C-alpha cells in the first residue's frame, strides 16, 4: 500500500495548478488590473459610462488572457521541461 499511496500523492501533486512563469504572470496580471482600474476611474470621472464599461470589459479580457496563458498544471510544466530529454529530432 505504500507504493500505491506514493503514486496517488504524485498524481495529486501533478494535477495542482501553478503560475508558470510566475514573475511574468504576476506582472501582467497586476498591469491588467491596475490599468483597468485607472482607465475605468478616468472614464467615470470624465462622465462617460460607455467608455468606463468598455475599459472594464477590455481589462477583464486582458486578465482572462493572462490566466489562460500562464496558469498550468504541474504535470504539464514538468513534461515541457523534460521534452528535450525524451524527444530528440532525428533519433
PDB file of N, CA and C in Angstrom:
ATOM      1  N   UNK A   1       0.819  -1.187   0.000  1.00  0.00           N
ATOM      2  CA  UNK A   1       0.000   0.000   0.000  1.00  0.00           C
ATOM      3  C   UNK A   1       0.867   1.257   0.000  1.00  0.00           C
ATOM      4  N   UNK A   2       2.111   1.163   0.421  1.00  0.00           N
ATOM      5  CA  UNK A   2       2.992   2.322   0.457  1.00  0.00           C
ATOM      6  C   UNK A   2       3.270   2.877  -0.927  1.00  0.00           C
ATOM      7  N   UNK A   3       3.549   1.993  -1.914  1.00  0.00           N
ATOM      8  CA  UNK A   3       3.837   2.450  -3.269  1.00  0.00           C
ATOM      9  C   UNK A   3       2.594   3.053  -3.913  1.00  0.00           C
ATOM     10  N   UNK A   4       1.444   2.466  -3.655  1.00  0.00           N
ATOM     11  CA  UNK A   4       0.202   2.994  -4.235  1.00  0.00           C
ATOM     12  C   UNK A   4      -0.111   4.378  -3.686  1.00  0.00           C
ATOM     13  N   UNK A   5       0.097   4.580  -2.402  1.00  0.00           N
ATOM     14  CA  UNK A   5      -0.183   5.902  -1.834  1.00  0.00           C
ATOM     15  C   UNK A   5       0.823   6.933  -2.328  1.00  0.00           C
ATOM     16  N   UNK A   6       2.074   6.508  -2.576  1.00  0.00           N
ATOM     17  CA  UNK A   6       3.062   7.434  -3.139  1.00  0.00           C
ATOM     18  C   UNK A   6       2.666   7.846  -4.557  1.00  0.00           C
ATOM     19  N   UNK A   7       2.192   6.880  -5.336  1.00  0.00           N
ATOM     20  CA  UNK A   7       1.738   7.213  -6.688  1.00  0.00           C
ATOM     21  C   UNK A   7       0.522   8.134  -6.664  1.00  0.00           C
ATOM     22  N   UNK A   8      -0.369   7.888  -5.746  1.00  0.00           N
ATOM     23  CA  UNK A   8      -1.543   8.748  -5.612  1.00  0.00           C
ATOM     24  C   UNK A   8      -1.135  10.165  -5.208  1.00  0.00           C
ATOM     25  N   UNK A   9      -0.157  10.288  -4.321  1.00  0.00           N
ATOM     26  CA  UNK A   9       0.346  11.609  -3.944  1.00  0.00           C
ATOM     27  C   UNK A   9       0.990  12.309  -5.136  1.00  0.00           C
ATOM     28  N   UNK A  10       1.706  11.547  -5.967  1.00  0.00           N
ATOM     29  CA  UNK A  10       2.340  12.133  -7.146  1.00  0.00           C
ATOM     30  C   UNK A  10       1.293  12.616  -8.152  1.00  0.00           C
ATOM     31  N   UNK A  11       0.228  11.845  -8.307  1.00  0.00           N
ATOM     32  CA  UNK A  11      -0.861  12.262  -9.202  1.00  0.00           C
ATOM     33  C   UNK A  11      -1.520  13.531  -8.673  1.00  0.00           C
ATOM     34  N   UNK A  12      -1.754  13.575  -7.380  1.00  0.00           N
ATOM     35  CA  UNK A  12      -2.362  14.779  -6.791  1.00  0.00           C
ATOM     36  C   UNK A  12      -1.474  16.003  -6.957  1.00  0.00           C
ATOM     37  N   UNK A  13      -0.164  15.840  -6.736  1.00  0.00           N
ATOM     38  CA  UNK A  13       0.736  16.981  -6.882  1.00  0.00           C
ATOM     39  C   UNK A  13       0.846  17.413  -8.340  1.00  0.00           C
ATOM     40  N   UNK A  14       0.731  16.459  -9.266  1.00  0.00           N
ATOM     41  CA  UNK A  14       0.802  16.806 -10.681  1.00  0.00           C
ATOM     42  C   UNK A  14      -0.431  17.517 -11.194  1.00  0.00           C
ATOM     43  N   UNK A  15      -1.552  17.327 -10.529  1.00  0.00           N
ATOM     44  CA  UNK A  15      -2.777  17.966 -11.000  1.00  0.00           C
ATOM     45  C   UNK A  15      -3.017  19.338 -10.377  1.00  0.00           C
ATOM     46  N   UNK A  16      -2.112  19.786  -9.514  1.00  0.00           N
ATOM     47  CA  UNK A  16      -2.236  21.142  -8.949  1.00  0.00           C
ATOM     48  C   UNK A  16      -1.936  22.179 -10.025  1.00  0.00           C
ATOM     49  N   UNK A  17      -2.604  23.303  -9.943  1.00  0.00           N
ATOM     50  CA  UNK A  17      -2.389  24.389 -10.895  1.00  0.00           C
ATOM     51  C   UNK A  17      -1.368  25.360 -10.329  1.00  0.00           C
ATOM     52  N   UNK A  18      -0.444  25.809 -11.185  1.00  0.00           N
ATOM     53  CA  UNK A  18       0.575  26.775 -10.783  1.00  0.00           C
ATOM     54  C   UNK A  18       0.668  27.858 -11.858  1.00  0.00           C
ATOM     55  N   UNK A  19       1.293  28.956 -11.491  1.00  0.00           N
ATOM     56  CA  UNK A  19       1.580  30.026 -12.448  1.00  0.00           C
ATOM     57  C   UNK A  19       2.958  29.766 -13.015  1.00  0.00           C
ATOM     58  N   UNK A  20       3.059  29.741 -14.356  1.00  0.00           N
ATOM     59  CA  UNK A  20       4.368  29.474 -14.972  1.00  0.00           C
ATOM     60  C   UNK A  20       4.543  30.329 -16.198  1.00  0.00           C
ATOM     61  N   UNK A  21       5.571  31.146 -16.284  1.00  0.00           N
ATOM     62  CA  UNK A  21       6.467  31.592 -15.221  1.00  0.00           C
ATOM     63  C   UNK A  21       5.759  32.576 -14.294  1.00  0.00           C
ATOM     64  N   UNK A  22       6.037  32.441 -13.039  1.00  0.00           N
ATOM     65  CA  UNK A  22       5.286  33.163 -12.014  1.00  0.00           C
ATOM     66  C   UNK A  22       5.511  34.671 -12.067  1.00  0.00           C
ATOM     67  N   UNK A  23       6.735  35.103 -12.241  1.00  0.00           N
ATOM     68  CA  UNK A  23       7.029  36.539 -12.244  1.00  0.00           C
ATOM     69  C   UNK A  23       6.352  37.276 -13.383  1.00  0.00           C
ATOM     70  N   UNK A  24       6.421  36.709 -14.567  1.00  0.00           N
ATOM     71  CA  UNK A  24       5.792  37.333 -15.731  1.00  0.00           C
ATOM     72  C   UNK A  24       4.281  37.374 -15.565  1.00  0.00           C
ATOM     73  N   UNK A  25       3.714  36.285 -15.088  1.00  0.00           N
ATOM     74  CA  UNK A  25       2.260  36.227 -14.890  1.00  0.00           C
ATOM     75  C   UNK A  25       1.812  37.262 -13.870  1.00  0.00           C
ATOM     76  N   UNK A  26       2.548  37.383 -12.773  1.00  0.00           N
ATOM     77  CA  UNK A  26       2.175  38.350 -11.739  1.00  0.00           C
ATOM     78  C   UNK A  26       2.267  39.782 -12.266  1.00  0.00           C
ATOM     79  N   UNK A  27       3.307  40.067 -13.030  1.00  0.00           N
ATOM     80  CA  UNK A  27       3.476  41.419 -13.560  1.00  0.00           C
ATOM     81  C   UNK A  27       2.358  41.766 -14.551  1.00  0.00           C
ATOM     82  N   UNK A  28       2.035  40.837 -15.448  1.00  0.00           N
ATOM     83  CA  UNK A  28       0.990  41.113 -16.428  1.00  0.00           C
ATOM     84  C   UNK A  28      -0.395  41.186 -15.793  1.00  0.00           C
ATOM     85  N   UNK A  29      -0.655  40.339 -14.810  1.00  0.00           N
ATOM     86  CA  UNK A  29      -1.947  40.389 -14.124  1.00  0.00           C
ATOM     87  C   UNK A  29      -2.097  41.704 -13.361  1.00  0.00           C
ATOM     88  N   UNK A  30      -1.036  42.124 -12.702  1.00  0.00           N
ATOM     89  CA  UNK A  30      -1.062  43.394 -11.979  1.00  0.00           C
ATOM     90  C   UNK A  30      -1.279  44.560 -12.935  1.00  0.00           C
ATOM     91  N   UNK A  31      -0.588  44.511 -14.074  1.00  0.00           N
ATOM     92  CA  UNK A  31      -0.744  45.586 -15.060  1.00  0.00           C
ATOM     93  C   UNK A  31      -2.168  45.629 -15.602  1.00  0.00           C
ATOM     94  N   UNK A  32      -2.766  44.472 -15.844  1.00  0.00           N
ATOM     95  CA  UNK A  32      -4.137  44.437 -16.360  1.00  0.00           C
ATOM     96  C   UNK A  32      -5.125  44.988 -15.337  1.00  0.00           C
ATOM     97  N   UNK A  33      -4.949  44.617 -14.074  1.00  0.00           N
ATOM     98  CA  UNK A  33      -5.867  45.084 -13.027  1.00  0.00           C
ATOM     99  C   UNK A  33      -5.701  46.580 -12.782  1.00  0.00           C
ATOM    100  N   UNK A  34      -4.461  47.011 -12.601  1.00  0.00           N
ATOM    101  CA  UNK A  34      -4.213  48.434 -12.319  1.00  0.00           C
ATOM    102  C   UNK A  34      -4.605  49.289 -13.518  1.00  0.00           C
ATOM    103  N   UNK A  35      -4.233  48.847 -14.715  1.00  0.00           N
ATOM    104  CA  UNK A  35      -4.609  49.593 -15.921  1.00  0.00           C
ATOM    105  C   UNK A  35      -6.115  49.690 -16.082  1.00  0.00           C
ATOM    106  N   UNK A  36      -6.790  48.594 -15.788  1.00  0.00           N
ATOM    107  CA  UNK A  36      -8.249  48.597 -15.880  1.00  0.00           C
ATOM    108  C   UNK A  36      -8.886  49.529 -14.877  1.00  0.00           C
ATOM    109  N   UNK A  37      -8.405  49.459 -13.639  1.00  0.00           N
ATOM    110  CA  UNK A  37      -8.973  50.337 -12.607  1.00  0.00           C
ATOM    111  C   UNK A  37      -8.734  51.811 -12.924  1.00  0.00           C
ATOM    112  N   UNK A  38      -7.542  52.128 -13.377  1.00  0.00           N
ATOM    113  CA  UNK A  38      -7.219  53.526 -13.696  1.00  0.00           C
ATOM    114  C   UNK A  38      -8.057  54.007 -14.877  1.00  0.00           C
ATOM    115  N   UNK A  39      -8.159  53.169 -15.925  1.00  0.00           N
ATOM    116  CA  UNK A  39      -8.921  53.607 -17.095  1.00  0.00           C
ATOM    117  C   UNK A  39     -10.416  53.724 -16.793  1.00  0.00           C
ATOM    118  N   UNK A  40     -10.941  52.842 -15.970  1.00  0.00           N
ATOM    119  CA  UNK A  40     -12.352  52.950 -15.578  1.00  0.00           C
ATOM    120  C   UNK A  40     -12.572  54.207 -14.735  1.00  0.00           C
ATOM    121  N   UNK A  41     -11.650  54.486 -13.823  1.00  0.00           N
ATOM    122  CA  UNK A  41     -11.789  55.675 -12.980  1.00  0.00           C
ATOM    123  C   UNK A  41     -11.715  56.953 -13.815  1.00  0.00           C
ATOM    124  N   UNK A  42     -10.802  56.994 -14.758  1.00  0.00           N
ATOM    125  CA  UNK A  42     -10.675  58.181 -15.606  1.00  0.00           C
ATOM    126  C   UNK A  42     -11.926  58.366 -16.454  1.00  0.00           C
ATOM    127  N   UNK A  43     -12.423  57.260 -17.025  1.00  0.00           N
ATOM    128  CA  UNK A  43     -13.638  57.353 -17.842  1.00  0.00           C
ATOM    129  C   UNK A  43     -14.842  57.755 -16.995  1.00  0.00           C
ATOM    130  N   UNK A  44     -14.918  57.257 -15.772  1.00  0.00           N
ATOM    131  CA  UNK A  44     -16.036  57.626 -14.892  1.00  0.00           C
ATOM    132  C   UNK A  44     -15.959  59.091 -14.493  1.00  0.00           C
ATOM    133  N   UNK A  45     -14.762  59.571 -14.197  1.00  0.00           N
ATOM    134  CA  UNK A  45     -14.609  60.985 -13.850  1.00  0.00           C
ATOM    135  C   UNK A  45     -14.907  61.891 -15.039  1.00  0.00           C
ATOM    136  N   UNK A  46     -14.665  61.388 -16.240  1.00  0.00           N
ATOM    137  CA  UNK A  46     -14.961  62.173 -17.441  1.00  0.00           C
ATOM    138  C   UNK A  46     -16.449  62.144 -17.772  1.00  0.00           C
ATOM    139  N   UNK A  47     -17.189  61.317 -17.043  1.00  0.00           N
ATOM    140  CA  UNK A  47     -18.636  61.266 -17.255  1.00  0.00           C
ATOM    141  C   UNK A  47     -19.049  60.415 -18.442  1.00  0.00           C
ATOM    142  N   UNK A  48     -18.242  59.420 -18.785  1.00  0.00           N
ATOM    143  CA  UNK A  48     -18.555  58.572 -19.928  1.00  0.00           C
ATOM    144  C   UNK A  48     -18.774  57.129 -19.463  1.00  0.00           C
ATOM    145  N   UNK A  49     -20.021  56.765 -19.182  1.00  0.00           N
ATOM    146  CA  UNK A  49     -20.272  55.387 -18.732  1.00  0.00           C
ATOM    147  C   UNK A  49     -19.980  54.352 -19.814  1.00  0.00           C
ATOM    148  N   UNK A  50     -20.165  54.720 -21.068  1.00  0.00           N
ATOM    149  CA  UNK A  50     -19.873  53.790 -22.157  1.00  0.00           C
ATOM    150  C   UNK A  50     -18.376  53.489 -22.216  1.00  0.00           C
ATOM    151  N   UNK A  51     -17.556  54.519 -22.088  1.00  0.00           N
ATOM    152  CA  UNK A  51     -16.104  54.323 -22.094  1.00  0.00           C
ATOM    153  C   UNK A  51     -15.648  53.572 -20.841  1.00  0.00           C
ATOM    154  N   UNK A  52     -16.274  53.840 -19.712  1.00  0.00           N
ATOM    155  CA  UNK A  52     -15.939  53.119 -18.480  1.00  0.00           C
ATOM    156  C   UNK A  52     -16.285  51.639 -18.619  1.00  0.00           C
ATOM    157  N   UNK A  53     -17.428  51.339 -19.206  1.00  0.00           N
ATOM    158  CA  UNK A  53     -17.804  49.942 -19.424  1.00  0.00           C
ATOM    159  C   UNK A  53     -16.869  49.248 -20.393  1.00  0.00           C
ATOM    160  N   UNK A  54     -16.488  49.957 -21.455  1.00  0.00           N
ATOM    161  CA  UNK A  54     -15.553  49.374 -22.426  1.00  0.00           C
ATOM    162  C   UNK A  54     -14.197  49.107 -21.785  1.00  0.00           C
ATOM    163  N   UNK A  55     -13.738  50.025 -20.934  1.00  0.00           N
ATOM    164  CA  UNK A  55     -12.459  49.833 -20.252  1.00  0.00           C
ATOM    165  C   UNK A  55     -12.529  48.645 -19.294  1.00  0.00           C
ATOM    166  N   UNK A  56     -13.663  48.491 -18.616  1.00  0.00           N
ATOM    167  CA  UNK A  56     -13.826  47.364 -17.702  1.00  0.00           C
ATOM    168  C   UNK A  56     -13.823  46.041 -18.457  1.00  0.00           C
ATOM    169  N   UNK A  57     -14.524  45.988 -19.577  1.00  0.00           N
ATOM    170  CA  UNK A  57     -14.579  44.759 -20.380  1.00  0.00           C
ATOM    171  C   UNK A  57     -13.209  44.437 -20.958  1.00  0.00           C
ATOM    172  N   UNK A  58     -12.510  45.448 -21.452  1.00  0.00           N
ATOM    173  CA  UNK A  58     -11.183  45.234 -22.034  1.00  0.00           C
ATOM    174  C   UNK A  58     -10.189  44.741 -20.988  1.00  0.00           C
ATOM    175  N   UNK A  59     -10.178  45.360 -19.824  1.00  0.00           N
ATOM    176  CA  UNK A  59      -9.233  44.928 -18.791  1.00  0.00           C
ATOM    177  C   UNK A  59      -9.573  43.537 -18.260  1.00  0.00           C
ATOM    178  N   UNK A  60     -10.859  43.217 -18.186  1.00  0.00           N
ATOM    179  CA  UNK A  60     -11.264  41.868 -17.780  1.00  0.00           C
ATOM    180  C   UNK A  60     -10.824  40.841 -18.802  1.00  0.00           C
ATOM    181  N   UNK A  61     -10.947  41.182 -20.059  1.00  0.00           N
ATOM    182  CA  UNK A  61     -10.491  40.289 -21.125  1.00  0.00           C
ATOM    183  C   UNK A  61      -8.987  40.067 -21.083  1.00  0.00           C
ATOM    184  N   UNK A  62      -8.253  41.142 -20.826  1.00  0.00           N
ATOM    185  CA  UNK A  62      -6.792  41.005 -20.713  1.00  0.00           C
ATOM    186  C   UNK A  62      -6.406  40.126 -19.531  1.00  0.00           C
ATOM    187  N   UNK A  63      -7.093  40.294 -18.414  1.00  0.00           N
ATOM    188  CA  UNK A  63      -6.809  39.461 -17.249  1.00  0.00           C
ATOM    189  C   UNK A  63      -7.142  37.996 -17.538  1.00  0.00           C
ATOM    190  N   UNK A  64      -8.227  37.749 -18.245  1.00  0.00           N
ATOM    191  CA  UNK A  64      -8.577  36.376 -18.618  1.00  0.00           C
ATOM    192  C   UNK A  64      -7.513  35.772 -19.525  1.00  0.00           C
ATOM    193  N   UNK A  65      -6.981  36.552 -20.454  1.00  0.00           N
ATOM    194  CA  UNK A  65      -5.907  36.056 -21.321  1.00  0.00           C
ATOM    195  C   UNK A  65      -4.657  35.704 -20.524  1.00  0.00           C
ATOM    196  N   UNK A  66      -4.318  36.521 -19.537  1.00  0.00           N
ATOM    197  CA  UNK A  66      -3.163  36.225 -18.691  1.00  0.00           C
ATOM    198  C   UNK A  66      -3.372  34.906 -17.955  1.00  0.00           C
ATOM    199  N   UNK A  67      -4.558  34.711 -17.413  1.00  0.00           N
ATOM    200  CA  UNK A  67      -4.842  33.467 -16.684  1.00  0.00           C
ATOM    201  C   UNK A  67      -4.771  32.275 -17.619  1.00  0.00           C
ATOM    202  N   UNK A  68      -5.373  32.380 -18.799  1.00  0.00           N
ATOM    203  CA  UNK A  68      -5.354  31.268 -19.743  1.00  0.00           C
ATOM    204  C   UNK A  68      -3.952  30.963 -20.249  1.00  0.00           C
ATOM    205  N   UNK A  69      -3.123  31.956 -20.381  1.00  0.00           N
ATOM    206  CA  UNK A  69      -1.777  31.753 -20.917  1.00  0.00           C
ATOM    207  C   UNK A  69      -0.791  31.230 -19.871  1.00  0.00           C
ATOM    208  N   UNK A  70      -0.876  31.694 -18.630  1.00  0.00           N
ATOM    209  CA  UNK A  70       0.161  31.406 -17.646  1.00  0.00           C
ATOM    210  C   UNK A  70      -0.251  30.430 -16.550  1.00  0.00           C
ATOM    211  N   UNK A  71      -1.479  29.995 -16.503  1.00  0.00           N
ATOM    212  CA  UNK A  71      -1.917  29.045 -15.481  1.00  0.00           C
ATOM    213  C   UNK A  71      -1.784  27.644 -16.052  1.00  0.00           C
ATOM    214  N   UNK A  72      -0.953  26.809 -15.452  1.00  0.00           N
ATOM    215  CA  UNK A  72      -0.661  25.475 -15.965  1.00  0.00           C
ATOM    216  C   UNK A  72      -0.735  24.447 -14.861  1.00  0.00           C
ATOM    217  N   UNK A  73      -1.058  23.216 -15.234  1.00  0.00           N
ATOM    218  CA  UNK A  73      -0.981  22.119 -14.285  1.00  0.00           C
ATOM    219  C   UNK A  73       0.473  21.720 -14.120  1.00  0.00           C
ATOM    220  N   UNK A  74       0.828  21.269 -12.931  1.00  0.00           N
ATOM    221  CA  UNK A  74       2.210  20.928 -12.620  1.00  0.00           C
ATOM    222  C   UNK A  74       2.756  19.871 -13.573  1.00  0.00           C
ATOM    223  N   UNK A  75       1.955  18.878 -13.925  1.00  0.00           N
ATOM    224  CA  UNK A  75       2.441  17.819 -14.803  1.00  0.00           C
ATOM    225  C   UNK A  75       2.843  18.371 -16.161  1.00  0.00           C
ATOM    226  N   UNK A  76       2.127  19.391 -16.646  1.00  0.00           N
ATOM    227  CA  UNK A  76       2.450  19.956 -17.959  1.00  0.00           C
ATOM    228  C   UNK A  76       3.769  20.721 -17.930  1.00  0.00           C
ATOM    229  N   UNK A  77       4.016  21.426 -16.838  1.00  0.00           N
ATOM    230  CA  UNK A  77       5.278  22.155 -16.706  1.00  0.00           C
ATOM    231  C   UNK A  77       6.437  21.161 -16.654  1.00  0.00           C
ATOM    232  N   UNK A  78       6.266  20.076 -15.896  1.00  0.00           N
ATOM    233  CA  UNK A  78       7.305  19.046 -15.831  1.00  0.00           C
ATOM    234  C   UNK A  78       7.535  18.405 -17.196  1.00  0.00           C
ATOM    235  N   UNK A  79       6.454  18.107 -17.902  1.00  0.00           N
ATOM    236  CA  UNK A  79       6.569  17.476 -19.217  1.00  0.00           C
ATOM    237  C   UNK A  79       7.277  18.390 -20.209  1.00  0.00           C
ATOM    238  N   UNK A  80       6.968  19.678 -20.189  1.00  0.00           N
ATOM    239  CA  UNK A  80       7.653  20.619 -21.077  1.00  0.00           C
ATOM    240  C   UNK A  80       9.141  20.701 -20.761  1.00  0.00           C
ATOM    241  N   UNK A  81       9.480  20.607 -19.480  1.00  0.00           N
ATOM    242  CA  UNK A  81      10.889  20.641 -19.096  1.00  0.00           C
ATOM    243  C   UNK A  81      11.661  19.399 -19.527  1.00  0.00           C
ATOM    244  N   UNK A  82      10.982  18.272 -19.600  1.00  0.00           N
ATOM    245  CA  UNK A  82      11.634  17.009 -19.977  1.00  0.00           C
ATOM    246  C   UNK A  82      11.503  16.687 -21.459  1.00  0.00           C
ATOM    247  N   UNK A  83      10.842  17.539 -22.199  1.00  0.00           N
ATOM    248  CA  UNK A  83      10.565  17.259 -23.604  1.00  0.00           C
ATOM    249  C   UNK A  83      11.838  16.994 -24.411  1.00  0.00           C
ATOM    250  N   UNK A  84      12.849  17.779 -24.211  1.00  0.00           N
ATOM    251  CA  UNK A  84      14.069  17.613 -24.996  1.00  0.00           C
ATOM    252  C   UNK A  84      14.865  16.381 -24.570  1.00  0.00           C
ATOM    253  N   UNK A  85      14.688  15.930 -23.353  1.00  0.00           N
ATOM    254  CA  UNK A  85      15.364  14.716 -22.906  1.00  0.00           C
ATOM    255  C   UNK A  85      14.704  13.493 -23.527  1.00  0.00           C
ATOM    256  N   UNK A  86      13.383  13.523 -23.604  1.00  0.00           N
ATOM    257  CA  UNK A  86      12.635  12.375 -24.113  1.00  0.00           C
ATOM    258  C   UNK A  86      12.610  12.375 -25.627  1.00  0.00           C
ATOM    259  N   UNK A  87      12.425  13.533 -26.228  1.00  0.00           N
ATOM    260  CA  UNK A  87      12.274  13.629 -27.677  1.00  0.00           C
ATOM    261  C   UNK A  87      13.445  14.394 -28.267  1.00  0.00           C
ATOM    262  N   UNK A  88      14.199  13.698 -29.112  1.00  0.00           N
ATOM    263  CA  UNK A  88      15.289  14.349 -29.834  1.00  0.00           C
ATOM    264  C   UNK A  88      15.079  14.151 -31.314  1.00  0.00           C
ATOM    265  N   UNK A  89      14.908  15.212 -32.069  1.00  0.00           N
ATOM    266  CA  UNK A  89      14.667  15.065 -33.503  1.00  0.00           C
ATOM    267  C   UNK A  89      15.816  14.304 -34.187  1.00  0.00           C
ATOM    268  N   UNK A  90      15.453  13.413 -35.070  1.00  0.00           N
ATOM    269  CA  UNK A  90      16.440  12.664 -35.834  1.00  0.00           C
ATOM    270  C   UNK A  90      16.796  11.320 -35.240  1.00  0.00           C
ATOM    271  N   UNK A  91      16.268  11.028 -34.089  1.00  0.00           N
ATOM    272  CA  UNK A  91      16.587   9.727 -33.473  1.00  0.00           C
ATOM    273  C   UNK A  91      15.372   8.841 -33.527  1.00  0.00           C
TER     274      UNK A  91
END
